[in-house]
Amino acid sequence: MIRLNIHQAKTHLSKYLARLKAGETIVLCRRNIPIAEIRALPAPPRKRRPIGLGKGTVTIPPSFFEPLPEEELAAFEGERD
């Protein structure tokens, strides 16, 4: 764990980023009183997600493909008050 006052963090943050990535934590202090904690985010997964993971979980009813009623079309086009 690294303890830094705000001024030190503003001045030398780039120097501490490698240590954050290695798993250390920065405790940010104001007048030596801890106020925040800075941790590295977990690395995103490297593998690509396969297509079709949600297959079968959503059904779209046939009414979805029907034309919209005239009053809704007018509202979308700004013709309705």
PDB file of N, CA and C in Angstrom:
ATOM      1  N   MET A   1       0.842  -1.173   0.000  1.00  0.00           N
ATOM      2  CA  MET A   1       0.000   0.000   0.000  1.00  0.00           C
ATOM      3  C   MET A   1       0.889   1.238   0.000  1.00  0.00           C
ATOM      4  N   ILE A   2       0.520   2.176  -0.867  1.00  0.00           N
ATOM      5  CA  ILE A   2       1.272   3.416  -1.011  1.00  0.00           C
ATOM      6  C   ILE A   2       0.409   4.540  -0.441  1.00  0.00           C
ATOM      7  N   ARG A   3       0.953   5.330   0.481  1.00  0.00           N
ATOM      8  CA  ARG A   3       0.228   6.485   1.024  1.00  0.00           C
ATOM      9  C   ARG A   3       0.799   7.745   0.402  1.00  0.00           C
ATOM     10  N   LEU A   4      -0.086   8.546  -0.211  1.00  0.00           N
ATOM     11  CA  LEU A   4       0.336   9.780  -0.862  1.00  0.00           C
ATOM     12  C   LEU A   4      -0.569  10.926  -0.438  1.00  0.00           C
ATOM     13  N   ASN A   5       0.036  12.069  -0.224  1.00  0.00           N
ATOM     14  CA  ASN A   5      -0.756  13.274  -0.051  1.00  0.00           C
ATOM     15  C   ASN A   5      -1.160  13.764  -1.438  1.00  0.00           C
ATOM     16  N   ILE A   6      -2.171  14.612  -1.507  1.00  0.00           N
ATOM     17  CA  ILE A   6      -2.716  15.056  -2.786  1.00  0.00           C
ATOM     18  C   ILE A   6      -1.639  15.696  -3.655  1.00  0.00           C
ATOM     19  N   HIS A   7      -0.802  16.528  -3.081  1.00  0.00           N
ATOM     20  CA  HIS A   7       0.244  17.183  -3.861  1.00  0.00           C
ATOM     21  C   HIS A   7       1.203  16.154  -4.472  1.00  0.00           C
ATOM     22  N   GLN A   8       1.599  15.157  -3.695  1.00  0.00           N
ATOM     23  CA  GLN A   8       2.489  14.113  -4.209  1.00  0.00           C
ATOM     24  C   GLN A   8       1.818  13.357  -5.355  1.00  0.00           C
ATOM     25  N   ALA A   9       0.529  13.058  -5.197  1.00  0.00           N
ATOM     26  CA  ALA A   9      -0.188  12.308  -6.231  1.00  0.00           C
ATOM     27  C   ALA A   9      -0.265  13.110  -7.527  1.00  0.00           C
ATOM     28  N   LYS A  10      -0.566  14.396  -7.419  1.00  0.00           N
ATOM     29  CA  LYS A  10      -0.653  15.227  -8.617  1.00  0.00           C
ATOM     30  C   LYS A  10       0.700  15.329  -9.302  1.00  0.00           C
ATOM     31  N   THR A  11       1.750  15.388  -8.534  1.00  0.00           N
ATOM     32  CA  THR A  11       3.082  15.585  -9.089  1.00  0.00           C
ATOM     33  C   THR A  11       3.683  14.306  -9.662  1.00  0.00           C
ATOM     34  N   HIS A  12       3.451  13.160  -9.010  1.00  0.00           N
ATOM     35  CA  HIS A  12       4.168  11.929  -9.361  1.00  0.00           C
ATOM     36  C   HIS A  12       3.259  10.754  -9.707  1.00  0.00           C
ATOM     37  N   LEU A  13       2.014  11.002 -10.079  1.00  0.00           N
ATOM     38  CA  LEU A  13       1.089   9.887 -10.318  1.00  0.00           C
ATOM     39  C   LEU A  13       1.589   8.934 -11.393  1.00  0.00           C
ATOM     40  N   SER A  14       2.113   9.459 -12.480  1.00  0.00           N
ATOM     41  CA  SER A  14       2.577   8.571 -13.560  1.00  0.00           C
ATOM     42  C   SER A  14       3.671   7.624 -13.074  1.00  0.00           C
ATOM     43  N   LYS A  15       4.443   8.047 -12.098  1.00  0.00           N
ATOM     44  CA  LYS A  15       5.503   7.200 -11.544  1.00  0.00           C
ATOM     45  C   LYS A  15       4.920   5.993 -10.805  1.00  0.00           C
ATOM     46  N   TYR A  16       3.721   6.151 -10.229  1.00  0.00           N
ATOM     47  CA  TYR A  16       3.121   5.089  -9.423  1.00  0.00           C
ATOM     48  C   TYR A  16       2.214   4.159 -10.222  1.00  0.00           C
ATOM     49  N   LEU A  17       1.911   4.484 -11.473  1.00  0.00           N
ATOM     50  CA  LEU A  17       0.986   3.672 -12.251  1.00  0.00           C
ATOM     51  C   LEU A  17       1.480   2.235 -12.453  1.00  0.00           C
ATOM     52  N   ALA A  18       2.754   2.039 -12.664  1.00  0.00           N
ATOM     53  CA  ALA A  18       3.291   0.680 -12.846  1.00  0.00           C
ATOM     54  C   ALA A  18       3.087  -0.147 -11.579  1.00  0.00           C
ATOM     55  N   ARG A  19       3.259   0.491 -10.425  1.00  0.00           N
ATOM     56  CA  ARG A  19       3.050  -0.231  -9.165  1.00  0.00           C
ATOM     57  C   ARG A  19       1.574  -0.556  -8.961  1.00  0.00           C
ATOM     58  N   LEU A  20       0.688   0.331  -9.411  1.00  0.00           N
ATOM     59  CA  LEU A  20      -0.746   0.043  -9.338  1.00  0.00           C
ATOM     60  C   LEU A  20      -1.088  -1.169 -10.190  1.00  0.00           C
ATOM     61  N   LYS A  21      -0.547  -1.197 -11.394  1.00  0.00           N
ATOM     62  CA  LYS A  21      -0.816  -2.304 -12.306  1.00  0.00           C
ATOM     63  C   LYS A  21      -0.321  -3.629 -11.726  1.00  0.00           C
ATOM     64  N   ALA A  22       0.742  -3.580 -10.939  1.00  0.00           N
ATOM     65  CA  ALA A  22       1.293  -4.786 -10.325  1.00  0.00           C
ATOM     66  C   ALA A  22       0.458  -5.267  -9.140  1.00  0.00           C
ATOM     67  N   GLY A  23      -0.568  -4.483  -8.755  1.00  0.00           N
ATOM     68  CA  GLY A  23      -1.454  -4.951  -7.688  1.00  0.00           C
ATOM     69  C   GLY A  23      -1.435  -4.120  -6.420  1.00  0.00           C
ATOM     70  N   GLU A  24      -0.592  -3.114  -6.352  1.00  0.00           N
ATOM     71  CA  GLU A  24      -0.563  -2.277  -5.156  1.00  0.00           C
ATOM     72  C   GLU A  24      -1.743  -1.311  -5.157  1.00  0.00           C
ATOM     73  N   THR A  25      -1.999  -0.731  -4.005  1.00  0.00           N
ATOM     74  CA  THR A  25      -3.089   0.222  -3.831  1.00  0.00           C
ATOM     75  C   THR A  25      -2.508   1.540  -3.346  1.00  0.00           C
ATOM     76  N   ILE A  26      -3.079   2.645  -3.841  1.00  0.00           N
ATOM     77  CA  ILE A  26      -2.676   3.966  -3.364  1.00  0.00           C
ATOM     78  C   ILE A  26      -3.758   4.472  -2.425  1.00  0.00           C
ATOM     79  N   VAL A  27      -3.358   4.915  -1.251  1.00  0.00           N
ATOM     80  CA  VAL A  27      -4.275   5.581  -0.340  1.00  0.00           C
ATOM     81  C   VAL A  27      -3.969   7.064  -0.438  1.00  0.00           C
ATOM     82  N   LEU A  28      -4.947   7.807  -0.906  1.00  0.00           N
ATOM     83  CA  LEU A  28      -4.794   9.240  -1.100  1.00  0.00           C
ATOM     84  C   LEU A  28      -5.182   9.964   0.189  1.00  0.00           C
ATOM     85  N   CYS A  29      -4.312  10.848   0.649  1.00  0.00           N
ATOM     86  CA  CYS A  29      -4.517  11.520   1.934  1.00  0.00           C
ATOM     87  C   CYS A  29      -4.573  13.032   1.760  1.00  0.00           C
ATOM     88  N   ARG A  30      -5.328  13.651   2.635  1.00  0.00           N
ATOM     89  CA  ARG A  30      -5.325  15.107   2.753  1.00  0.00           C
ATOM     90  C   ARG A  30      -4.845  15.402   4.163  1.00  0.00           C
ATOM     91  N   ARG A  31      -3.688  16.072   4.260  1.00  0.00           N
ATOM     92  CA  ARG A  31      -3.048  16.346   5.547  1.00  0.00           C
ATOM     93  C   ARG A  31      -2.871  15.065   6.366  1.00  0.00           C
ATOM     94  N   ASN A  32      -2.406  14.009   5.683  1.00  0.00           N
ATOM     95  CA  ASN A  32      -2.118  12.693   6.261  1.00  0.00           C
ATOM     96  C   ASN A  32      -3.346  11.967   6.791  1.00  0.00           C
ATOM     97  N   ILE A  33      -4.533  12.385   6.402  1.00  0.00           N
ATOM     98  CA  ILE A  33      -5.766  11.679   6.757  1.00  0.00           C
ATOM     99  C   ILE A  33      -6.297  11.022   5.483  1.00  0.00           C
ATOM    100  N   PRO A  34      -6.442   9.695   5.480  1.00  0.00           N
ATOM    101  CA  PRO A  34      -6.898   8.998   4.270  1.00  0.00           C
ATOM    102  C   PRO A  34      -8.286   9.475   3.831  1.00  0.00           C
ATOM    103  N   ILE A  35      -8.423   9.751   2.522  1.00  0.00           N
ATOM    104  CA  ILE A  35      -9.714  10.182   1.989  1.00  0.00           C
ATOM    105  C   ILE A  35     -10.176   9.337   0.805  1.00  0.00           C
ATOM    106  N   ALA A  36      -9.266   8.640   0.158  1.00  0.00           N
ATOM    107  CA  ALA A  36      -9.659   7.840  -1.006  1.00  0.00           C
ATOM    108  C   ALA A  36      -8.646   6.729  -1.229  1.00  0.00           C
ATOM    109  N   GLU A  37      -9.096   5.730  -1.987  1.00  0.00           N
ATOM    110  CA  GLU A  37      -8.231   4.604  -2.322  1.00  0.00           C
ATOM    111  C   GLU A  37      -8.255   4.435  -3.837  1.00  0.00           C
ATOM    112  N   ILE A  38      -7.091   4.245  -4.423  1.00  0.00           N
ATOM    113  CA  ILE A  38      -6.977   4.063  -5.870  1.00  0.00           C
ATOM    114  C   ILE A  38      -6.418   2.676  -6.136  1.00  0.00           C
ATOM    115  N   ARG A  39      -7.158   1.899  -6.946  1.00  0.00           N
ATOM    116  CA  ARG A  39      -6.738   0.549  -7.302  1.00  0.00           C
ATOM    117  C   ARG A  39      -6.791   0.388  -8.809  1.00  0.00           C
ATOM    118  N   ALA A  40      -5.996  -0.505  -9.315  1.00  0.00           N
ATOM    119  CA  ALA A  40      -6.026  -0.799 -10.750  1.00  0.00           C
ATOM    120  C   ALA A  40      -7.298  -1.576 -11.072  1.00  0.00           C
ATOM    121  N   LEU A  41      -7.835  -1.343 -12.256  1.00  0.00           N
ATOM    122  CA  LEU A  41      -8.995  -2.095 -12.710  1.00  0.00           C
ATOM    123  C   LEU A  41      -8.549  -3.469 -13.191  1.00  0.00           C
ATOM    124  N   PRO A  42      -9.422  -4.464 -13.072  1.00  0.00           N
ATOM    125  CA  PRO A  42      -9.033  -5.783 -13.589  1.00  0.00           C
ATOM    126  C   PRO A  42      -8.880  -5.724 -15.100  1.00  0.00           C
ATOM    127  N   ALA A  43      -7.967  -6.508 -15.608  1.00  0.00           N
ATOM    128  CA  ALA A  43      -7.710  -6.535 -17.053  1.00  0.00           C
ATOM    129  C   ALA A  43      -8.921  -7.116 -17.775  1.00  0.00           C
ATOM    130  N   PRO A  44      -9.290  -6.560 -18.918  1.00  0.00           N
ATOM    131  CA  PRO A  44     -10.413  -7.116 -19.674  1.00  0.00           C
ATOM    132  C   PRO A  44     -10.059  -8.498 -20.201  1.00  0.00           C
ATOM    133  N   PRO A  45     -11.058  -9.343 -20.385  1.00  0.00           N
ATOM    134  CA  PRO A  45     -10.761 -10.686 -20.909  1.00  0.00           C
ATOM    135  C   PRO A  45     -10.134 -10.606 -22.295  1.00  0.00           C
ATOM    136  N   ARG A  46      -9.218 -11.481 -22.564  1.00  0.00           N
ATOM    137  CA  ARG A  46      -8.477 -11.474 -23.832  1.00  0.00           C
ATOM    138  C   ARG A  46      -9.213 -12.233 -24.939  1.00  0.00           C
ATOM    139  N   LYS A  47     -10.043 -13.226 -24.568  1.00  0.00           N
ATOM    140  CA  LYS A  47     -10.719 -14.027 -25.579  1.00  0.00           C
ATOM    141  C   LYS A  47     -11.930 -13.280 -26.122  1.00  0.00           C
ATOM    142  N   ARG A  48     -12.195 -13.452 -27.383  1.00  0.00           N
ATOM    143  CA  ARG A  48     -13.384 -12.864 -27.992  1.00  0.00           C
ATOM    144  C   ARG A  48     -14.601 -13.683 -27.591  1.00  0.00           C
ATOM    145  N   ARG A  49     -15.699 -12.982 -27.366  1.00  0.00           N
ATOM    146  CA  ARG A  49     -16.937 -13.679 -27.013  1.00  0.00           C
ATOM    147  C   ARG A  49     -17.536 -14.323 -28.252  1.00  0.00           C
ATOM    148  N   PRO A  50     -17.981 -15.582 -28.129  1.00  0.00           N
ATOM    149  CA  PRO A  50     -18.579 -16.237 -29.286  1.00  0.00           C
ATOM    150  C   PRO A  50     -19.951 -15.638 -29.611  1.00  0.00           C
ATOM    151  N   ILE A  51     -20.307 -15.677 -30.877  1.00  0.00           N
ATOM    152  CA  ILE A  51     -21.600 -15.170 -31.329  1.00  0.00           C
ATOM    153  C   ILE A  51     -22.677 -16.182 -30.938  1.00  0.00           C
ATOM    154  N   GLY A  52     -23.812 -15.669 -30.480  1.00  0.00           N
ATOM    155  CA  GLY A  52     -24.954 -16.534 -30.192  1.00  0.00           C
ATOM    156  C   GLY A  52     -25.067 -16.974 -28.749  1.00  0.00           C
ATOM    157  N   LEU A  53     -24.403 -16.308 -27.818  1.00  0.00           N
ATOM    158  CA  LEU A  53     -24.483 -16.719 -26.417  1.00  0.00           C
ATOM    159  C   LEU A  53     -25.900 -16.599 -25.856  1.00  0.00           C
ATOM    160  N   GLY A  54     -26.669 -15.620 -26.334  1.00  0.00           N
ATOM    161  CA  GLY A  54     -28.016 -15.409 -25.812  1.00  0.00           C
ATOM    162  C   GLY A  54     -29.105 -16.061 -26.649  1.00  0.00           C
ATOM    163  N   LYS A  55     -28.725 -16.954 -27.535  1.00  0.00           N
ATOM    164  CA  LYS A  55     -29.696 -17.572 -28.431  1.00  0.00           C
ATOM    165  C   LYS A  55     -30.777 -18.286 -27.629  1.00  0.00           C
ATOM    166  N   GLY A  56     -32.025 -17.982 -27.974  1.00  0.00           N
ATOM    167  CA  GLY A  56     -33.150 -18.642 -27.303  1.00  0.00           C
ATOM    168  C   GLY A  56     -33.616 -17.931 -26.037  1.00  0.00           C
ATOM    169  N   THR A  57     -32.948 -16.867 -25.621  1.00  0.00           N
ATOM    170  CA  THR A  57     -33.361 -16.179 -24.395  1.00  0.00           C
ATOM    171  C   THR A  57     -34.336 -15.044 -24.663  1.00  0.00           C
ATOM    172  N   VAL A  58     -34.417 -14.583 -25.906  1.00  0.00           N
ATOM    173  CA  VAL A  58     -35.311 -13.485 -26.270  1.00  0.00           C
ATOM    174  C   VAL A  58     -36.186 -13.932 -27.425  1.00  0.00           C
ATOM    175  N   THR A  59     -37.482 -13.647 -27.310  1.00  0.00           N
ATOM    176  CA  THR A  59     -38.379 -13.922 -28.426  1.00  0.00           C
ATOM    177  C   THR A  59     -39.007 -12.613 -28.880  1.00  0.00           C
ATOM    178  N   ILE A  60     -39.058 -12.420 -30.163  1.00  0.00           N
ATOM    179  CA  ILE A  60     -39.644 -11.211 -30.738  1.00  0.00           C
ATOM    180  C   ILE A  60     -40.981 -11.604 -31.346  1.00  0.00           C
ATOM    181  N   PRO A  61     -42.083 -10.999 -30.852  1.00  0.00           N
ATOM    182  CA  PRO A  61     -43.396 -11.371 -31.385  1.00  0.00           C
ATOM    183  C   PRO A  61     -43.574 -10.856 -32.806  1.00  0.00           C
ATOM    184  N   PRO A  62     -44.416 -11.509 -33.587  1.00  0.00           N
ATOM    185  CA  PRO A  62     -44.649 -11.063 -34.970  1.00  0.00           C
ATOM    186  C   PRO A  62     -45.192  -9.634 -35.037  1.00  0.00           C
ATOM    187  N   SER A  63     -45.886  -9.165 -34.009  1.00  0.00           N
ATOM    188  CA  SER A  63     -46.435  -7.809 -34.021  1.00  0.00           C
ATOM    189  C   SER A  63     -45.330  -6.744 -34.054  1.00  0.00           C
ATOM    190  N   PHE A  64     -44.121  -7.104 -33.687  1.00  0.00           N
ATOM    191  CA  PHE A  64     -42.996  -6.172 -33.729  1.00  0.00           C
ATOM    192  C   PHE A  64     -42.748  -5.660 -35.146  1.00  0.00           C
ATOM    193  N   PHE A  65     -43.017  -6.508 -36.131  1.00  0.00           N
ATOM    194  CA  PHE A  65     -42.726  -6.173 -37.518  1.00  0.00           C
ATOM    195  C   PHE A  65     -43.902  -5.497 -38.240  1.00  0.00           C
ATOM    196  N   GLU A  66     -45.026  -5.334 -37.542  1.00  0.00           N
ATOM    197  CA  GLU A  66     -46.175  -4.674 -38.148  1.00  0.00           C
ATOM    198  C   GLU A  66     -45.945  -3.169 -38.185  1.00  0.00           C
ATOM    199  N   PRO A  67     -46.550  -2.481 -39.147  1.00  0.00           N
ATOM    200  CA  PRO A  67     -46.399  -1.021 -39.224  1.00  0.00           C
ATOM    201  C   PRO A  67     -46.973  -0.343 -37.982  1.00  0.00           C
ATOM    202  N   LEU A  68     -46.417   0.820 -37.637  1.00  0.00           N
ATOM    203  CA  LEU A  68     -46.907   1.575 -36.486  1.00  0.00           C
ATOM    204  C   LEU A  68     -48.238   2.242 -36.827  1.00  0.00           C
ATOM    205  N   PRO A  69     -49.084   2.466 -35.809  1.00  0.00           N
ATOM    206  CA  PRO A  69     -50.327   3.204 -36.053  1.00  0.00           C
ATOM    207  C   PRO A  69     -50.013   4.634 -36.512  1.00  0.00           C
ATOM    208  N   GLU A  70     -50.955   5.229 -37.237  1.00  0.00           N
ATOM    209  CA  GLU A  70     -50.758   6.562 -37.808  1.00  0.00           C
ATOM    210  C   GLU A  70     -50.443   7.622 -36.749  1.00  0.00           C
ATOM    211  N   GLU A  71     -51.111   7.574 -35.576  1.00  0.00           N
ATOM    212  CA  GLU A  71     -50.855   8.596 -34.553  1.00  0.00           C
ATOM    213  C   GLU A  71     -49.428   8.497 -33.994  1.00  0.00           C
ATOM    214  N   GLU A  72     -48.884   7.300 -33.903  1.00  0.00           N
ATOM    215  CA  GLU A  72     -47.498   7.159 -33.437  1.00  0.00           C
ATOM    216  C   GLU A  72     -46.511   7.648 -34.498  1.00  0.00           C
ATOM    217  N   LEU A  73     -46.771   7.349 -35.754  1.00  0.00           N
ATOM    218  CA  LEU A  73     -45.912   7.846 -36.828  1.00  0.00           C
ATOM    219  C   LEU A  73     -45.918   9.371 -36.856  1.00  0.00           C
ATOM    220  N   ALA A  74     -47.096   9.967 -36.676  1.00  0.00           N
ATOM    221  CA  ALA A  74     -47.204  11.421 -36.666  1.00  0.00           C
ATOM    222  C   ALA A  74     -46.420  12.012 -35.500  1.00  0.00           C
ATOM    223  N   ALA A  75     -46.458  11.347 -34.343  1.00  0.00           N
ATOM    224  CA  ALA A  75     -45.708  11.829 -33.184  1.00  0.00           C
ATOM    225  C   ALA A  75     -44.207  11.784 -33.442  1.00  0.00           C
ATOM    226  N   PHE A  76     -43.718  10.734 -34.089  1.00  0.00           N
ATOM    227  CA  PHE A  76     -42.294  10.630 -34.411  1.00  0.00           C
ATOM    228  C   PHE A  76     -41.849  11.699 -35.391  1.00  0.00           C
ATOM    229  N   GLU A  77     -42.741  12.037 -36.313  1.00  0.00           N
ATOM    230  CA  GLU A  77     -42.394  13.014 -37.347  1.00  0.00           C
ATOM    231  C   GLU A  77     -42.676  14.437 -36.928  1.00  0.00           C
ATOM    232  N   GLY A  78     -43.185  14.642 -35.703  1.00  0.00           N
ATOM    233  CA  GLY A  78     -43.412  15.996 -35.187  1.00  0.00           C
ATOM    234  C   GLY A  78     -44.676  16.642 -35.710  1.00  0.00           C
ATOM    235  N   GLU A  79     -45.595  15.870 -36.251  1.00  0.00           N
ATOM    236  CA  GLU A  79     -46.815  16.412 -36.802  1.00  0.00           C
ATOM    237  C   GLU A  79     -47.938  16.500 -35.772  1.00  0.00           C
ATOM    238  N   ARG A  80     -47.712  15.917 -34.617  1.00  0.00           N
ATOM    239  CA  ARG A  80     -48.730  15.864 -33.573  1.00  0.00           C
ATOM    240  C   ARG A  80     -48.428  16.925 -32.527  1.00  0.00           C
ATOM    241  N   ASP A  81     -49.460  17.554 -31.962  1.00  0.00           N
ATOM    242  CA  ASP A  81     -49.265  18.575 -30.925  1.00  0.00           C
ATOM    243  C   ASP A  81     -48.900  17.958 -29.610  1.00  0.00           C
TER     244      ASP A  81
END
